[in-house]
Amino acid sequence: MSQIIGTTRGGKSWKPRFIDAIVMEKCIGCGRCYKVCGFDVLELIEKPFEGEDEYGDDMGNKVMSVARPENCIGCEACARTCTKKCHVHVEL
């Protein structure tokens, strides 16, 4: 299988790196990556926490997941906007 290599507008060689996973232990569910992706790759999902909050309720929050990896164009905009560095990208 050959590698995908593109060219930037300035003529430089560019290798796209496609999203493979999101490390949920690092993700805080802020939605920055979701907002910057124009290709409907990511989706917010519920992530249950172990334990309860001070009111006795089960704690939970939302985290990002890779819902449609086939839509990824390999631009890595999601990873560049993430402050927690939880995106895993691979070259094909």
PDB file of N, CA and C in Angstrom:
ATOM      1  N   MET A   1       0.840  -1.171   0.000  1.00  0.00           N
ATOM      2  CA  MET A   1       0.000   0.000   0.000  1.00  0.00           C
ATOM      3  C   MET A   1       0.889   1.240   0.000  1.00  0.00           C
ATOM      4  N   SER A   2       0.638   2.151  -0.900  1.00  0.00           N
ATOM      5  CA  SER A   2       1.448   3.352  -0.984  1.00  0.00           C
ATOM      6  C   SER A   2       0.939   4.417  -0.015  1.00  0.00           C
ATOM      7  N   GLN A   3       1.865   5.288   0.388  1.00  0.00           N
ATOM      8  CA  GLN A   3       1.523   6.368   1.308  1.00  0.00           C
ATOM      9  C   GLN A   3       0.829   7.505   0.552  1.00  0.00           C
ATOM     10  N   ILE A   4      -0.056   8.207   1.249  1.00  0.00           N
ATOM     11  CA  ILE A   4      -0.718   9.366   0.676  1.00  0.00           C
ATOM     12  C   ILE A   4       0.167  10.576   0.915  1.00  0.00           C
ATOM     13  N   ILE A   5       0.532  11.271  -0.138  1.00  0.00           N
ATOM     14  CA  ILE A   5       1.334  12.478  -0.019  1.00  0.00           C
ATOM     15  C   ILE A   5       0.664  13.567  -0.838  1.00  0.00           C
ATOM     16  N   GLY A   6       0.458  14.722  -0.207  1.00  0.00           N
ATOM     17  CA  GLY A   6      -0.156  15.854  -0.887  1.00  0.00           C
ATOM     18  C   GLY A   6       0.845  16.978  -1.048  1.00  0.00           C
ATOM     19  N   THR A   7       0.381  18.073  -1.623  1.00  0.00           N
ATOM     20  CA  THR A   7       1.204  19.251  -1.811  1.00  0.00           C
ATOM     21  C   THR A   7       0.446  20.461  -1.294  1.00  0.00           C
ATOM     22  N   THR A   8       1.128  21.289  -0.519  1.00  0.00           N
ATOM     23  CA  THR A   8       0.496  22.502  -0.031  1.00  0.00           C
ATOM     24  C   THR A   8       0.415  23.532  -1.158  1.00  0.00           C
ATOM     25  N   ARG A   9      -0.308  24.582  -0.901  1.00  0.00           N
ATOM     26  CA  ARG A   9      -0.433  25.659  -1.899  1.00  0.00           C
ATOM     27  C   ARG A   9       0.932  26.242  -2.240  1.00  0.00           C
ATOM     28  N   GLY A  10       1.829  26.256  -1.276  1.00  0.00           N
ATOM     29  CA  GLY A  10       3.177  26.781  -1.488  1.00  0.00           C
ATOM     30  C   GLY A  10       4.135  25.793  -2.133  1.00  0.00           C
ATOM     31  N   GLY A  11       3.662  24.573  -2.416  1.00  0.00           N
ATOM     32  CA  GLY A  11       4.486  23.581  -3.097  1.00  0.00           C
ATOM     33  C   GLY A  11       5.226  22.624  -2.179  1.00  0.00           C
ATOM     34  N   LYS A  12       5.025  22.724  -0.871  1.00  0.00           N
ATOM     35  CA  LYS A  12       5.682  21.805   0.059  1.00  0.00           C
ATOM     36  C   LYS A  12       4.944  20.476   0.098  1.00  0.00           C
ATOM     37  N   SER A  13       5.705  19.418   0.344  1.00  0.00           N
ATOM     38  CA  SER A  13       5.127  18.084   0.490  1.00  0.00           C
ATOM     39  C   SER A  13       4.403  17.995   1.830  1.00  0.00           C
ATOM     40  N   TRP A  14       3.255  17.302   1.857  1.00  0.00           N
ATOM     41  CA  TRP A  14       2.436  17.194   3.063  1.00  0.00           C
ATOM     42  C   TRP A  14       1.850  15.799   3.146  1.00  0.00           C
ATOM     43  N   LYS A  15       1.995  15.171   4.336  1.00  0.00           N
ATOM     44  CA  LYS A  15       1.426  13.847   4.568  1.00  0.00           C
ATOM     45  C   LYS A  15       0.250  13.980   5.522  1.00  0.00           C
ATOM     46  N   PRO A  16      -0.962  13.697   5.081  1.00  0.00           N
ATOM     47  CA  PRO A  16      -2.100  13.759   5.992  1.00  0.00           C
ATOM     48  C   PRO A  16      -2.013  12.674   7.056  1.00  0.00           C
ATOM     49  N   ARG A  17      -2.448  13.022   8.252  1.00  0.00           N
ATOM     50  CA  ARG A  17      -2.502  12.069   9.368  1.00  0.00           C
ATOM     51  C   ARG A  17      -3.951  12.023   9.830  1.00  0.00           C
ATOM     52  N   PHE A  18      -4.551  10.856   9.711  1.00  0.00           N
ATOM     53  CA  PHE A  18      -5.975  10.666   9.958  1.00  0.00           C
ATOM     54  C   PHE A  18      -6.243  10.268  11.408  1.00  0.00           C
ATOM     55  N   ILE A  19      -7.373  10.727  11.942  1.00  0.00           N
ATOM     56  CA  ILE A  19      -7.706  10.418  13.338  1.00  0.00           C
ATOM     57  C   ILE A  19      -7.942   8.923  13.502  1.00  0.00           C
ATOM     58  N   ASP A  20      -7.343   8.386  14.557  1.00  0.00           N
ATOM     59  CA  ASP A  20      -7.467   6.962  14.841  1.00  0.00           C
ATOM     60  C   ASP A  20      -8.251   6.740  16.135  1.00  0.00           C
ATOM     61  N   ALA A  21      -8.036   7.623  17.119  1.00  0.00           N
ATOM     62  CA  ALA A  21      -8.700   7.455  18.410  1.00  0.00           C
ATOM     63  C   ALA A  21      -8.620   8.745  19.215  1.00  0.00           C
ATOM     64  N   ILE A  22      -9.401   8.776  20.288  1.00  0.00           N
ATOM     65  CA  ILE A  22      -9.330   9.840  21.284  1.00  0.00           C
ATOM     66  C   ILE A  22      -9.118   9.168  22.632  1.00  0.00           C
ATOM     67  N   VAL A  23      -8.119   9.630  23.371  1.00  0.00           N
ATOM     68  CA  VAL A  23      -7.825   9.079  24.686  1.00  0.00           C
ATOM     69  C   VAL A  23      -8.836   9.688  25.656  1.00  0.00           C
ATOM     70  N   MET A  24      -9.845   8.912  26.018  1.00  0.00           N
ATOM     71  CA  MET A  24     -10.951   9.424  26.827  1.00  0.00           C
ATOM     72  C   MET A  24     -10.518   9.838  28.229  1.00  0.00           C
ATOM     73  N   GLU A  25      -9.456   9.250  28.733  1.00  0.00           N
ATOM     74  CA  GLU A  25      -8.980   9.627  30.060  1.00  0.00           C
ATOM     75  C   GLU A  25      -8.437  11.053  30.082  1.00  0.00           C
ATOM     76  N   LYS A  26      -8.017  11.559  28.946  1.00  0.00           N
ATOM     77  CA  LYS A  26      -7.499  12.923  28.850  1.00  0.00           C
ATOM     78  C   LYS A  26      -8.573  13.927  28.428  1.00  0.00           C
ATOM     79  N   CYS A  27      -9.560  13.489  27.673  1.00  0.00           N
ATOM     80  CA  CYS A  27     -10.578  14.375  27.106  1.00  0.00           C
ATOM     81  C   CYS A  27     -11.460  14.976  28.200  1.00  0.00           C
ATOM     82  N   ILE A  28     -11.697  16.297  28.113  1.00  0.00           N
ATOM     83  CA  ILE A  28     -12.566  16.981  29.073  1.00  0.00           C
ATOM     84  C   ILE A  28     -13.908  17.364  28.456  1.00  0.00           C
ATOM     85  N   GLY A  29     -14.128  17.007  27.194  1.00  0.00           N
ATOM     86  CA  GLY A  29     -15.418  17.263  26.549  1.00  0.00           C
ATOM     87  C   GLY A  29     -15.702  18.723  26.270  1.00  0.00           C
ATOM     88  N   CYS A  30     -14.673  19.529  26.057  1.00  0.00           N
ATOM     89  CA  CYS A  30     -14.863  20.967  25.854  1.00  0.00           C
ATOM     90  C   CYS A  30     -15.516  21.284  24.506  1.00  0.00           C
ATOM     91  N   GLY A  31     -15.351  20.421  23.509  1.00  0.00           N
ATOM     92  CA  GLY A  31     -15.975  20.615  22.208  1.00  0.00           C
ATOM     93  C   GLY A  31     -15.176  21.432  21.220  1.00  0.00           C
ATOM     94  N   ARG A  32     -13.967  21.849  21.571  1.00  0.00           N
ATOM     95  CA  ARG A  32     -13.153  22.637  20.639  1.00  0.00           C
ATOM     96  C   ARG A  32     -12.871  21.884  19.354  1.00  0.00           C
ATOM     97  N   CYS A  33     -12.510  20.624  19.470  1.00  0.00           N
ATOM     98  CA  CYS A  33     -12.207  19.827  18.279  1.00  0.00           C
ATOM     99  C   CYS A  33     -13.455  19.616  17.430  1.00  0.00           C
ATOM    100  N   TYR A  34     -14.581  19.443  18.091  1.00  0.00           N
ATOM    101  CA  TYR A  34     -15.855  19.261  17.395  1.00  0.00           C
ATOM    102  C   TYR A  34     -16.194  20.498  16.558  1.00  0.00           C
ATOM    103  N   LYS A  35     -15.965  21.664  17.142  1.00  0.00           N
ATOM    104  CA  LYS A  35     -16.291  22.915  16.458  1.00  0.00           C
ATOM    105  C   LYS A  35     -15.388  23.188  15.267  1.00  0.00           C
ATOM    106  N   VAL A  36     -14.122  22.779  15.342  1.00  0.00           N
ATOM    107  CA  VAL A  36     -13.179  23.081  14.272  1.00  0.00           C
ATOM    108  C   VAL A  36     -13.260  22.073  13.115  1.00  0.00           C
ATOM    109  N   CYS A  37     -13.817  20.903  13.361  1.00  0.00           N
ATOM    110  CA  CYS A  37     -13.925  19.876  12.308  1.00  0.00           C
ATOM    111  C   CYS A  37     -15.152  20.132  11.450  1.00  0.00           C
ATOM    112  N   GLY A  38     -14.935  20.363  10.177  1.00  0.00           N
ATOM    113  CA  GLY A  38     -16.038  20.623   9.259  1.00  0.00           C
ATOM    114  C   GLY A  38     -16.523  19.387   8.523  1.00  0.00           C
ATOM    115  N   PHE A  39     -16.082  18.201   8.957  1.00  0.00           N
ATOM    116  CA  PHE A  39     -16.397  16.992   8.212  1.00  0.00           C
ATOM    117  C   PHE A  39     -17.187  15.962   9.008  1.00  0.00           C
ATOM    118  N   ASP A  40     -17.773  16.381  10.130  1.00  0.00           N
ATOM    119  CA  ASP A  40     -18.663  15.529  10.917  1.00  0.00           C
ATOM    120  C   ASP A  40     -18.001  14.212  11.339  1.00  0.00           C
ATOM    121  N   VAL A  41     -16.756  14.312  11.788  1.00  0.00           N
ATOM    122  CA  VAL A  41     -16.000  13.131  12.203  1.00  0.00           C
ATOM    123  C   VAL A  41     -16.268  12.789  13.669  1.00  0.00           C
ATOM    124  N   LEU A  42     -16.394  13.826  14.503  1.00  0.00           N
ATOM    125  CA  LEU A  42     -16.456  13.641  15.953  1.00  0.00           C
ATOM    126  C   LEU A  42     -17.869  13.764  16.495  1.00  0.00           C
ATOM    127  N   GLU A  43     -18.060  13.205  17.708  1.00  0.00           N
ATOM    128  CA  GLU A  43     -19.368  13.249  18.345  1.00  0.00           C
ATOM    129  C   GLU A  43     -19.184  13.225  19.866  1.00  0.00           C
ATOM    130  N   LEU A  44     -19.962  14.029  20.565  1.00  0.00           N
ATOM    131  CA  LEU A  44     -19.947  14.021  22.029  1.00  0.00           C
ATOM    132  C   LEU A  44     -20.772  12.847  22.542  1.00  0.00           C
ATOM    133  N   ILE A  45     -20.214  12.109  23.493  1.00  0.00           N
ATOM    134  CA  ILE A  45     -20.928  10.980  24.090  1.00  0.00           C
ATOM    135  C   ILE A  45     -20.853  11.100  25.617  1.00  0.00           C
ATOM    136  N   GLU A  46     -21.743  10.428  26.303  1.00  0.00           N
ATOM    137  CA  GLU A  46     -21.724  10.385  27.764  1.00  0.00           C
ATOM    138  C   GLU A  46     -20.613   9.452  28.225  1.00  0.00           C
ATOM    139  N   LYS A  47     -19.884   9.893  29.236  1.00  0.00           N
ATOM    140  CA  LYS A  47     -18.869   9.045  29.856  1.00  0.00           C
ATOM    141  C   LYS A  47     -19.149   8.988  31.344  1.00  0.00           C
ATOM    142  N   PRO A  48     -19.574   7.864  31.858  1.00  0.00           N
ATOM    143  CA  PRO A  48     -19.853   7.778  33.297  1.00  0.00           C
ATOM    144  C   PRO A  48     -18.570   7.804  34.113  1.00  0.00           C
ATOM    145  N   PHE A  49     -18.622   8.498  35.218  1.00  0.00           N
ATOM    146  CA  PHE A  49     -17.521   8.521  36.173  1.00  0.00           C
ATOM    147  C   PHE A  49     -17.830   7.540  37.280  1.00  0.00           C
ATOM    148  N   GLU A  50     -16.814   7.024  37.906  1.00  0.00           N
ATOM    149  CA  GLU A  50     -17.014   6.181  39.069  1.00  0.00           C
ATOM    150  C   GLU A  50     -17.179   7.082  40.279  1.00  0.00           C
ATOM    151  N   GLY A  51     -18.171   6.836  41.081  1.00  0.00           N
ATOM    152  CA  GLY A  51     -18.365   7.618  42.290  1.00  0.00           C
ATOM    153  C   GLY A  51     -19.565   8.544  42.188  1.00  0.00           C
ATOM    154  N   GLU A  52     -19.711   9.335  43.239  1.00  0.00           N
ATOM    155  CA  GLU A  52     -20.833  10.260  43.312  1.00  0.00           C
ATOM    156  C   GLU A  52     -20.318  11.651  43.639  1.00  0.00           C
ATOM    157  N   ASP A  53     -21.107  12.677  43.277  1.00  0.00           N
ATOM    158  CA  ASP A  53     -20.739  14.033  43.653  1.00  0.00           C
ATOM    159  C   ASP A  53     -21.206  14.325  45.076  1.00  0.00           C
ATOM    160  N   GLU A  54     -21.019  15.565  45.546  1.00  0.00           N
ATOM    161  CA  GLU A  54     -21.363  15.894  46.935  1.00  0.00           C
ATOM    162  C   GLU A  54     -22.847  15.804  47.241  1.00  0.00           C
ATOM    163  N   TYR A  55     -23.694  15.731  46.202  1.00  0.00           N
ATOM    164  CA  TYR A  55     -25.144  15.635  46.392  1.00  0.00           C
ATOM    165  C   TYR A  55     -25.652  14.197  46.314  1.00  0.00           C
ATOM    166  N   GLY A  56     -24.729  13.247  46.139  1.00  0.00           N
ATOM    167  CA  GLY A  56     -25.129  11.853  46.078  1.00  0.00           C
ATOM    168  C   GLY A  56     -25.539  11.394  44.688  1.00  0.00           C
ATOM    169  N   ASP A  57     -25.395  12.269  43.690  1.00  0.00           N
ATOM    170  CA  ASP A  57     -25.740  11.898  42.321  1.00  0.00           C
ATOM    171  C   ASP A  57     -24.547  11.234  41.652  1.00  0.00           C
ATOM    172  N   ASP A  58     -24.844  10.310  40.729  1.00  0.00           N
ATOM    173  CA  ASP A  58     -23.760   9.721  39.945  1.00  0.00           C
ATOM    174  C   ASP A  58     -23.134  10.813  39.092  1.00  0.00           C
ATOM    175  N   MET A  59     -21.792  10.822  39.089  1.00  0.00           N
ATOM    176  CA  MET A  59     -21.089  11.825  38.293  1.00  0.00           C
ATOM    177  C   MET A  59     -20.939  11.317  36.867  1.00  0.00           C
ATOM    178  N   GLY A  60     -21.046  12.192  35.932  1.00  0.00           N
ATOM    179  CA  GLY A  60     -20.855  11.850  34.533  1.00  0.00           C
ATOM    180  C   GLY A  60     -20.540  13.108  33.766  1.00  0.00           C
ATOM    181  N   ASN A  61     -19.968  12.957  32.619  1.00  0.00           N
ATOM    182  CA  ASN A  61     -19.724  14.093  31.758  1.00  0.00           C
ATOM    183  C   ASN A  61     -19.677  13.610  30.319  1.00  0.00           C
ATOM    184  N   LYS A  62     -19.462  14.534  29.444  1.00  0.00           N
ATOM    185  CA  LYS A  62     -19.380  14.188  28.031  1.00  0.00           C
ATOM    186  C   LYS A  62     -17.931  14.214  27.596  1.00  0.00           C
ATOM    187  N   VAL A  63     -17.606  13.319  26.703  1.00  0.00           N
ATOM    188  CA  VAL A  63     -16.283  13.264  26.087  1.00  0.00           C
ATOM    189  C   VAL A  63     -16.475  13.093  24.588  1.00  0.00           C
ATOM    190  N   MET A  64     -15.435  13.402  23.860  1.00  0.00           N
ATOM    191  CA  MET A  64     -15.504  13.287  22.403  1.00  0.00           C
ATOM    192  C   MET A  64     -15.184  11.854  21.981  1.00  0.00           C
ATOM    193  N   SER A  65     -15.796  11.435  20.887  1.00  0.00           N
ATOM    194  CA  SER A  65     -15.492  10.124  20.314  1.00  0.00           C
ATOM    195  C   SER A  65     -15.360  10.269  18.802  1.00  0.00           C
ATOM    196  N   VAL A  66     -14.697   9.300  18.201  1.00  0.00           N
ATOM    197  CA  VAL A  66     -14.548   9.283  16.744  1.00  0.00           C
ATOM    198  C   VAL A  66     -15.741   8.520  16.193  1.00  0.00           C
ATOM    199  N   ALA A  67     -16.740   9.259  15.702  1.00  0.00           N
ATOM    200  CA  ALA A  67     -17.982   8.645  15.241  1.00  0.00           C
ATOM    201  C   ALA A  67     -17.918   8.220  13.770  1.00  0.00           C
ATOM    202  N   ARG A  68     -17.268   9.025  12.938  1.00  0.00           N
ATOM    203  CA  ARG A  68     -17.212   8.747  11.504  1.00  0.00           C
ATOM    204  C   ARG A  68     -15.781   8.961  10.984  1.00  0.00           C
ATOM    205  N   PRO A  69     -14.864   8.028  11.283  1.00  0.00           N
ATOM    206  CA  PRO A  69     -13.465   8.191  10.871  1.00  0.00           C
ATOM    207  C   PRO A  69     -13.291   8.249   9.356  1.00  0.00           C
ATOM    208  N   GLU A  70     -14.229   7.676   8.635  1.00  0.00           N
ATOM    209  CA  GLU A  70     -14.132   7.681   7.165  1.00  0.00           C
ATOM    210  C   GLU A  70     -14.277   9.083   6.576  1.00  0.00           C
ATOM    211  N   ASN A  71     -14.783  10.036   7.350  1.00  0.00           N
ATOM    212  CA  ASN A  71     -14.932  11.420   6.879  1.00  0.00           C
ATOM    213  C   ASN A  71     -13.676  12.258   7.090  1.00  0.00           C
ATOM    214  N   CYS A  72     -12.713  11.759   7.857  1.00  0.00           N
ATOM    215  CA  CYS A  72     -11.510  12.520   8.195  1.00  0.00           C
ATOM    216  C   CYS A  72     -10.664  12.771   6.945  1.00  0.00           C
ATOM    217  N   ILE A  73     -10.191  14.025   6.783  1.00  0.00           N
ATOM    218  CA  ILE A  73      -9.336  14.367   5.640  1.00  0.00           C
ATOM    219  C   ILE A  73      -7.860  14.452   6.034  1.00  0.00           C
ATOM    220  N   GLY A  74      -7.562  14.246   7.317  1.00  0.00           N
ATOM    221  CA  GLY A  74      -6.174  14.210   7.756  1.00  0.00           C
ATOM    222  C   GLY A  74      -5.535  15.562   8.016  1.00  0.00           C
ATOM    223  N   CYS A  75      -6.323  16.584   8.260  1.00  0.00           N
ATOM    224  CA  CYS A  75      -5.774  17.936   8.458  1.00  0.00           C
ATOM    225  C   CYS A  75      -5.234  18.160   9.863  1.00  0.00           C
ATOM    226  N   GLU A  76      -5.663  17.370  10.833  1.00  0.00           N
ATOM    227  CA  GLU A  76      -5.258  17.446  12.241  1.00  0.00           C
ATOM    228  C   GLU A  76      -5.665  18.747  12.929  1.00  0.00           C
ATOM    229  N   ALA A  77      -6.660  19.436  12.408  1.00  0.00           N
ATOM    230  CA  ALA A  77      -7.144  20.659  13.058  1.00  0.00           C
ATOM    231  C   ALA A  77      -7.662  20.348  14.454  1.00  0.00           C
ATOM    232  N   CYS A  78      -8.287  19.205  14.618  1.00  0.00           N
ATOM    233  CA  CYS A  78      -8.814  18.812  15.934  1.00  0.00           C
ATOM    234  C   CYS A  78      -7.696  18.710  16.962  1.00  0.00           C
ATOM    235  N   ALA A  79      -6.582  18.119  16.582  1.00  0.00           N
ATOM    236  CA  ALA A  79      -5.463  17.949  17.502  1.00  0.00           C
ATOM    237  C   ALA A  79      -4.793  19.283  17.817  1.00  0.00           C
ATOM    238  N   ARG A  80      -4.717  20.165  16.847  1.00  0.00           N
ATOM    239  CA  ARG A  80      -4.085  21.467  17.075  1.00  0.00           C
ATOM    240  C   ARG A  80      -4.881  22.339  18.028  1.00  0.00           C
ATOM    241  N   THR A  81      -6.193  22.179  18.052  1.00  0.00           N
ATOM    242  CA  THR A  81      -7.025  23.001  18.937  1.00  0.00           C
ATOM    243  C   THR A  81      -7.200  22.398  20.328  1.00  0.00           C
ATOM    244  N   CYS A  82      -6.809  21.150  20.511  1.00  0.00           N
ATOM    245  CA  CYS A  82      -7.003  20.451  21.785  1.00  0.00           C
ATOM    246  C   CYS A  82      -5.921  20.818  22.801  1.00  0.00           C
ATOM    247  N   THR A  83      -6.351  21.336  23.948  1.00  0.00           N
ATOM    248  CA  THR A  83      -5.400  21.706  25.001  1.00  0.00           C
ATOM    249  C   THR A  83      -4.928  20.496  25.808  1.00  0.00           C
ATOM    250  N   LYS A  84      -5.647  19.383  25.736  1.00  0.00           N
ATOM    251  CA  LYS A  84      -5.306  18.178  26.505  1.00  0.00           C
ATOM    252  C   LYS A  84      -4.525  17.146  25.697  1.00  0.00           C
ATOM    253  N   LYS A  85      -4.334  17.393  24.408  1.00  0.00           N
ATOM    254  CA  LYS A  85      -3.555  16.500  23.532  1.00  0.00           C
ATOM    255  C   LYS A  85      -4.051  15.051  23.606  1.00  0.00           C
ATOM    256  N   CYS A  86      -5.346  14.882  23.387  1.00  0.00           N
ATOM    257  CA  CYS A  86      -5.928  13.542  23.527  1.00  0.00           C
ATOM    258  C   CYS A  86      -6.222  12.859  22.179  1.00  0.00           C
ATOM    259  N   HIS A  87      -5.902  13.485  21.070  1.00  0.00           N
ATOM    260  CA  HIS A  87      -6.171  12.894  19.761  1.00  0.00           C
ATOM    261  C   HIS A  87      -4.999  12.044  19.287  1.00  0.00           C
ATOM    262  N   VAL A  88      -5.295  10.898  18.716  1.00  0.00           N
ATOM    263  CA  VAL A  88      -4.292   9.994  18.163  1.00  0.00           C
ATOM    264  C   VAL A  88      -4.518   9.950  16.659  1.00  0.00           C
ATOM    265  N   HIS A  89      -3.487  10.338  15.903  1.00  0.00           N
ATOM    266  CA  HIS A  89      -3.558  10.339  14.441  1.00  0.00           C
ATOM    267  C   HIS A  89      -2.535   9.373  13.858  1.00  0.00           C
ATOM    268  N   VAL A  90      -2.827   8.835  12.678  1.00  0.00           N
ATOM    269  CA  VAL A  90      -1.914   7.904  12.002  1.00  0.00           C
ATOM    270  C   VAL A  90      -1.828   8.272  10.530  1.00  0.00           C
ATOM    271  N   GLU A  91      -0.677   7.957   9.937  1.00  0.00           N
ATOM    272  CA  GLU A  91      -0.516   8.083   8.491  1.00  0.00           C
ATOM    273  C   GLU A  91      -1.032   6.807   7.848  1.00  0.00           C
ATOM    274  N   LEU A  92      -1.643   6.935   6.694  1.00  0.00           N
ATOM    275  CA  LEU A  92      -2.087   5.739   5.971  1.00  0.00           C
ATOM    276  C   LEU A  92      -1.133   5.410   4.855  1.00  0.00           C
TER     277      LEU A  92
END
